[in-house]
C-alpha atoms as a PDB file:
ATOM      1  CA  UNK A   1       1.223 -65.111  34.481  1.00  0.00           C
ATOM      2  CA  UNK A   2       1.045 -61.250  34.386  1.00  0.00           C
ATOM      3  CA  UNK A   3       2.648 -59.178  37.647  1.00  0.00           C
ATOM      4  CA  UNK A   4       0.023 -56.833  38.730  1.00  0.00           C
ATOM      5  CA  UNK A   5       0.988 -53.994  41.078  1.00  0.00           C
ATOM      6  CA  UNK A   6      -1.743 -53.954  43.993  1.00  0.00           C
ATOM      7  CA  UNK A   7      -3.206 -50.743  44.665  1.00  0.00           C
ATOM      8  CA  UNK A   8      -5.537 -51.461  47.481  1.00  0.00           C
ATOM      9  CA  UNK A   9      -7.809 -48.341  47.242  1.00  0.00           C
ATOM     10  CA  UNK A  10      -8.704 -49.261  43.437  1.00  0.00           C
ATOM     11  CA  UNK A  11     -11.398 -51.664  44.726  1.00  0.00           C
ATOM     12  CA  UNK A  12     -12.395 -48.945  47.748  1.00  0.00           C
ATOM     13  CA  UNK A  13     -13.410 -47.070  44.768  1.00  0.00           C
ATOM     14  CA  UNK A  14     -14.951 -49.568  42.450  1.00  0.00           C
ATOM     15  CA  UNK A  15     -17.148 -51.045  45.773  1.00  0.00           C
ATOM     16  CA  UNK A  16     -18.148 -47.290  46.276  1.00  0.00           C
ATOM     17  CA  UNK A  17     -19.494 -46.626  42.460  1.00  0.00           C
ATOM     18  CA  UNK A  18     -21.179 -50.017  43.101  1.00  0.00           C
ATOM     19  CA  UNK A  19     -22.719 -48.726  46.097  1.00  0.00           C
ATOM     20  CA  UNK A  20     -23.378 -45.020  44.572  1.00  0.00           C
ATOM     21  CA  UNK A  21     -24.902 -47.006  42.007  1.00  0.00           C
ATOM     22  CA  UNK A  22     -27.535 -48.823  43.586  1.00  0.00           C
ATOM     23  CA  UNK A  23     -28.082 -46.072  45.758  1.00  0.00           C
ATOM     24  CA  UNK A  24     -29.426 -43.703  42.970  1.00  0.00           C
ATOM     25  CA  UNK A  25     -30.999 -46.692  41.350  1.00  0.00           C
ATOM     26  CA  UNK A  26     -32.995 -47.197  44.325  1.00  0.00           C
ATOM     27  CA  UNK A  27     -33.982 -44.223  45.891  1.00  0.00           C
ATOM     28  CA  UNK A  28     -34.734 -42.313  42.830  1.00  0.00           C
ATOM     29  CA  UNK A  29     -37.730 -44.791  42.138  1.00  0.00           C
ATOM     30  CA  UNK A  30     -39.030 -43.947  45.743  1.00  0.00           C
ATOM     31  CA  UNK A  31     -38.541 -40.024  45.203  1.00  0.00           C
ATOM     32  CA  UNK A  32     -38.829 -39.330  41.348  1.00  0.00           C
ATOM     33  CA  UNK A  33     -39.035 -35.499  41.179  1.00  0.00           C
ATOM     34  CA  UNK A  34     -38.486 -35.054  37.778  1.00  0.00           C
ATOM     35  CA  UNK A  35     -39.488 -36.352  34.112  1.00  0.00           C
ATOM     36  CA  UNK A  36     -40.682 -39.561  33.239  1.00  0.00           C
ATOM     37  CA  UNK A  37     -37.362 -41.844  33.136  1.00  0.00           C
ATOM     38  CA  UNK A  38     -34.924 -38.771  33.829  1.00  0.00           C
ATOM     39  CA  UNK A  39     -32.535 -39.618  36.758  1.00  0.00           C
ATOM     40  CA  UNK A  40     -28.833 -40.469  36.897  1.00  0.00           C
ATOM     41  CA  UNK A  41     -27.856 -43.762  35.490  1.00  0.00           C
ATOM     42  CA  UNK A  42     -23.946 -45.044  34.775  1.00  0.00           C
ATOM     43  CA  UNK A  43     -22.981 -46.976  31.725  1.00  0.00           C
ATOM     44  CA  UNK A  44     -21.816 -50.262  32.001  1.00  0.00           C
ATOM     45  CA  UNK A  45     -17.933 -50.682  30.841  1.00  0.00           C
ATOM     46  CA  UNK A  46     -15.336 -53.132  30.348  1.00  0.00           C
ATOM     47  CA  UNK A  47     -11.508 -52.297  30.993  1.00  0.00           C
ATOM     48  CA  UNK A  48      -8.750 -54.508  29.556  1.00  0.00           C
ATOM     49  CA  UNK A  49      -5.675 -54.922  28.716  1.00  0.00           C
ATOM     50  CA  UNK A  50      -3.154 -55.880  25.518  1.00  0.00           C
ATOM     51  CA  UNK A  51       0.617 -55.455  25.414  1.00  0.00           C
ATOM     52  CA  UNK A  52       0.240 -51.886  23.933  1.00  0.00           C
ATOM     53  CA  UNK A  53      -2.559 -50.300  25.905  1.00  0.00           C
ATOM     54  CA  UNK A  54      -5.495 -49.817  28.246  1.00  0.00           C
ATOM     55  CA  UNK A  55      -8.539 -50.332  26.704  1.00  0.00           C
ATOM     56  CA  UNK A  56     -11.837 -48.386  27.800  1.00  0.00           C
ATOM     57  CA  UNK A  57     -15.021 -49.798  26.008  1.00  0.00           C
ATOM     58  CA  UNK A  58     -18.357 -48.223  27.458  1.00  0.00           C
ATOM     59  CA  UNK A  59     -21.883 -48.672  26.202  1.00  0.00           C
ATOM     60  CA  UNK A  60     -23.703 -45.422  25.693  1.00  0.00           C
ATOM     61  CA  UNK A  61     -26.672 -46.437  23.455  1.00  0.00           C
ATOM     62  CA  UNK A  62     -28.956 -42.865  22.248  1.00  0.00           C
ATOM     63  CA  UNK A  63     -25.912 -40.500  23.439  1.00  0.00           C
ATOM     64  CA  UNK A  64     -25.390 -38.542  20.668  1.00  0.00           C
ATOM     65  CA  UNK A  65     -21.124 -38.365  20.877  1.00  0.00           C
ATOM     66  CA  UNK A  66     -21.222 -34.617  20.919  1.00  0.00           C
ATOM     67  CA  UNK A  67     -22.726 -34.920  24.552  1.00  0.00           C
ATOM     68  CA  UNK A  68     -19.696 -37.307  25.986  1.00  0.00           C
ATOM     69  CA  UNK A  69     -16.694 -35.748  27.353  1.00  0.00           C
ATOM     70  CA  UNK A  70     -13.678 -37.999  28.234  1.00  0.00           C
ATOM     71  CA  UNK A  71     -10.593 -36.541  29.851  1.00  0.00           C
ATOM     72  CA  UNK A  72      -7.608 -37.754  31.978  1.00  0.00           C
ATOM     73  CA  UNK A  73      -6.779 -35.771  34.946  1.00  0.00           C
ATOM     74  CA  UNK A  74      -4.366 -36.970  37.718  1.00  0.00           C
ATOM     75  CA  UNK A  75      -4.047 -40.351  36.493  1.00  0.00           C
ATOM     76  CA  UNK A  76      -7.917 -40.870  36.707  1.00  0.00           C
ATOM     77  CA  UNK A  77      -9.799 -41.225  33.205  1.00  0.00           C
ATOM     78  CA  UNK A  78     -13.610 -39.141  33.943  1.00  0.00           C
ATOM     79  CA  UNK A  79     -16.267 -39.929  31.084  1.00  0.00           C
ATOM     80  CA  UNK A  80     -19.340 -37.478  31.714  1.00  0.00           C
ATOM     81  CA  UNK A  81     -22.077 -36.959  29.706  1.00  0.00           C
ATOM     82  CA  UNK A  82     -25.795 -37.084  28.898  1.00  0.00           C
ATOM     83  CA  UNK A  83     -28.636 -38.917  26.886  1.00  0.00           C
ATOM     84  CA  UNK A  84     -31.747 -37.206  26.423  1.00  0.00           C
ATOM     85  CA  UNK A  85     -34.762 -37.891  26.831  1.00  0.00           C
ATOM     86  CA  UNK A  86     -37.159 -36.932  23.588  1.00  0.00           C
ATOM     87  CA  UNK A  87     -40.500 -36.263  24.165  1.00  0.00           C
ATOM     88  CA  UNK A  88     -41.949 -37.483  20.694  1.00  0.00           C
ATOM     89  CA  UNK A  89     -44.658 -39.275  22.674  1.00  0.00           C
ATOM     90  CA  UNK A  90     -46.941 -37.890  25.209  1.00  0.00           C
ATOM     91  CA  UNK A  91     -46.116 -38.463  29.166  1.00  0.00           C
ATOM     92  CA  UNK A  92     -49.584 -40.060  29.922  1.00  0.00           C
ATOM     93  CA  UNK A  93     -49.018 -42.314  27.024  1.00  0.00           C
ATOM     94  CA  UNK A  94     -46.007 -44.159  28.431  1.00  0.00           C
ATOM     95  CA  UNK A  95     -47.093 -47.435  29.867  1.00  0.00           C
ATOM     96  CA  UNK A  96     -43.412 -48.290  30.782  1.00  0.00           C
ATOM     97  CA  UNK A  97     -39.620 -46.373  30.705  1.00  0.00           C
ATOM     98  CA  UNK A  98     -37.244 -48.920  31.788  1.00  0.00           C
ATOM     99  CA  UNK A  99     -34.369 -46.851  30.071  1.00  0.00           C
ATOM    100  CA  UNK A 100     -32.538 -44.345  31.956  1.00  0.00           C
ATOM    101  CA  UNK A 101     -32.135 -40.610  30.923  1.00  0.00           C
ATOM    102  CA  UNK A 102     -29.931 -37.757  32.066  1.00  0.00           C
ATOM    103  CA  UNK A 103     -26.760 -37.442  33.184  1.00  0.00           C
ATOM    104  CA  UNK A 104     -24.148 -39.937  33.850  1.00  0.00           C
ATOM    105  CA  UNK A 105     -20.283 -40.250  35.407  1.00  0.00           C
ATOM    106  CA  UNK A 106     -17.724 -42.677  35.694  1.00  0.00           C
ATOM    107  CA  UNK A 107     -14.523 -42.543  37.234  1.00  0.00           C
ATOM    108  CA  UNK A 108     -11.276 -45.178  36.445  1.00  0.00           C
ATOM    109  CA  UNK A 109      -7.812 -45.469  38.269  1.00  0.00           C
ATOM    110  CA  UNK A 110      -5.384 -45.365  35.506  1.00  0.00           C
ATOM    111  CA  UNK A 111      -1.963 -47.026  36.144  1.00  0.00           C
ATOM    112  CA  UNK A 112       1.194 -45.118  36.113  1.00  0.00           C
ATOM    113  CA  UNK A 113       2.067 -47.100  32.712  1.00  0.00           C
ATOM    114  CA  UNK A 114      -0.230 -45.203  30.842  1.00  0.00           C
ATOM    115  CA  UNK A 115       0.436 -42.525  28.318  1.00  0.00           C
ATOM    116  CA  UNK A 116      -2.153 -39.539  28.631  1.00  0.00           C
ATOM    117  CA  UNK A 117      -0.971 -38.138  25.367  1.00  0.00           C
ATOM    118  CA  UNK A 118      -1.508 -41.022  23.142  1.00  0.00           C
ATOM    119  CA  UNK A 119      -5.517 -41.924  23.406  1.00  0.00           C
ATOM    120  CA  UNK A 120      -7.644 -43.111  20.646  1.00  0.00           C
ATOM    121  CA  UNK A 121     -11.186 -42.564  20.809  1.00  0.00           C
ATOM    122  CA  UNK A 122     -13.820 -44.089  18.960  1.00  0.00           C
ATOM    123  CA  UNK A 123     -18.120 -44.064  18.707  1.00  0.00           C
ATOM    124  CA  UNK A 124     -19.340 -46.835  17.132  1.00  0.00           C
ATOM    125  CA  UNK A 125     -22.828 -48.951  17.503  1.00  0.00           C
ATOM    126  CA  UNK A 126     -23.348 -47.322  20.852  1.00  0.00           C
ATOM    127  CA  UNK A 127     -20.534 -48.412  22.096  1.00  0.00           C
ATOM    128  CA  UNK A 128     -17.447 -45.644  22.905  1.00  0.00           C
ATOM    129  CA  UNK A 129     -13.527 -47.105  23.019  1.00  0.00           C
ATOM    130  CA  UNK A 130     -10.737 -45.658  24.632  1.00  0.00           C
ATOM    131  CA  UNK A 131      -7.762 -46.799  23.548  1.00  0.00           C
ATOM    132  CA  UNK A 132      -4.940 -45.622  26.280  1.00  0.00           C
ATOM    133  CA  UNK A 133      -1.553 -46.126  25.157  1.00  0.00           C
ATOM    134  CA  UNK A 134       1.174 -47.350  27.339  1.00  0.00           C
ATOM    135  CA  UNK A 135       4.450 -46.049  28.240  1.00  0.00           C
ATOM    136  CA  UNK A 136       7.313 -47.324  26.086  1.00  0.00           C
ATOM    137  CA  UNK A 137       9.325 -48.316  29.362  1.00  0.00           C
ATOM    138  CA  UNK A 138       5.848 -50.145  30.484  1.00  0.00           C
ATOM    139  CA  UNK A 139       5.706 -52.412  27.164  1.00  0.00           C
ATOM    140  CA  UNK A 140       6.974 -55.776  27.592  1.00  0.00           C
ATOM    141  CA  UNK A 141      10.575 -57.017  26.280  1.00  0.00           C
ATOM    142  CA  UNK A 142      11.143 -60.208  25.040  1.00  0.00           C
ATOM    143  CA  UNK A 143      14.422 -61.742  26.296  1.00  0.00           C
ATOM    144  CA  UNK A 144      16.224 -64.263  24.203  1.00  0.00           C
ATOM    145  CA  UNK A 145      18.041 -66.809  25.974  1.00  0.00           C
ATOM    146  CA  UNK A 146      20.341 -68.945  24.529  1.00  0.00           C
ATOM    147  CA  UNK A 147      20.525 -72.685  25.398  1.00  0.00           C
ATOM    148  CA  UNK A 148      22.769 -75.488  24.875  1.00  0.00           C
ATOM    149  CA  UNK A 149      21.994 -75.766  21.147  1.00  0.00           C
ATOM    150  CA  UNK A 150      23.365 -72.105  20.432  1.00  0.00           C
ATOM    151  CA  UNK A 151      26.427 -72.394  22.769  1.00  0.00           C
ATOM    152  CA  UNK A 152      27.311 -75.978  20.981  1.00  0.00           C
ATOM    153  CA  UNK A 153      26.979 -73.925  17.554  1.00  0.00           C
ATOM    154  CA  UNK A 154      28.409 -71.589  18.707  1.00  0.00           C
ATOM    155  CA  UNK A 155      31.594 -73.713  19.978  1.00  0.00           C
ATOM    156  CA  UNK A 156      31.298 -75.591  16.377  1.00  0.00           C
ATOM    157  CA  UNK A 157      31.593 -72.271  14.740  1.00  0.00           C
ATOM    158  CA  UNK A 158      34.810 -71.773  16.783  1.00  0.00           C
ATOM    159  CA  UNK A 159      36.293 -74.584  15.611  1.00  0.00           C
END
């Protein structure tokens, strides 16, 4: 079982992000003043940890990698970008628009163990993967424990 440092404000920020997303999606439908499907959206993301890094995967289908900005500032990872609506079809000819377009922002509070100087980013098949390397001192260390068998071998070797 891993020991996880409790950060009381982490859940509050996540809850705030969810509420903001809910209100933005709900009220943008009622007061949509822009183009068809052009309102703020928030890409889905997965965050998990390995022995050597924290990995963030964000779904960004249809977003040009040139329109994505990822930065780390004050212990927070910020993702920002835009999925552009291409007017290949006349607005009047659409029957249904379910995909969201426009700008997006996401933020993730990072643990102190992340080394912000060593980050690998890859964009493949509409998924942005960021691997944030852990600091060397934060990586788990294996401690070898000697048992009765090794003590007996050492005693035999001395005789």
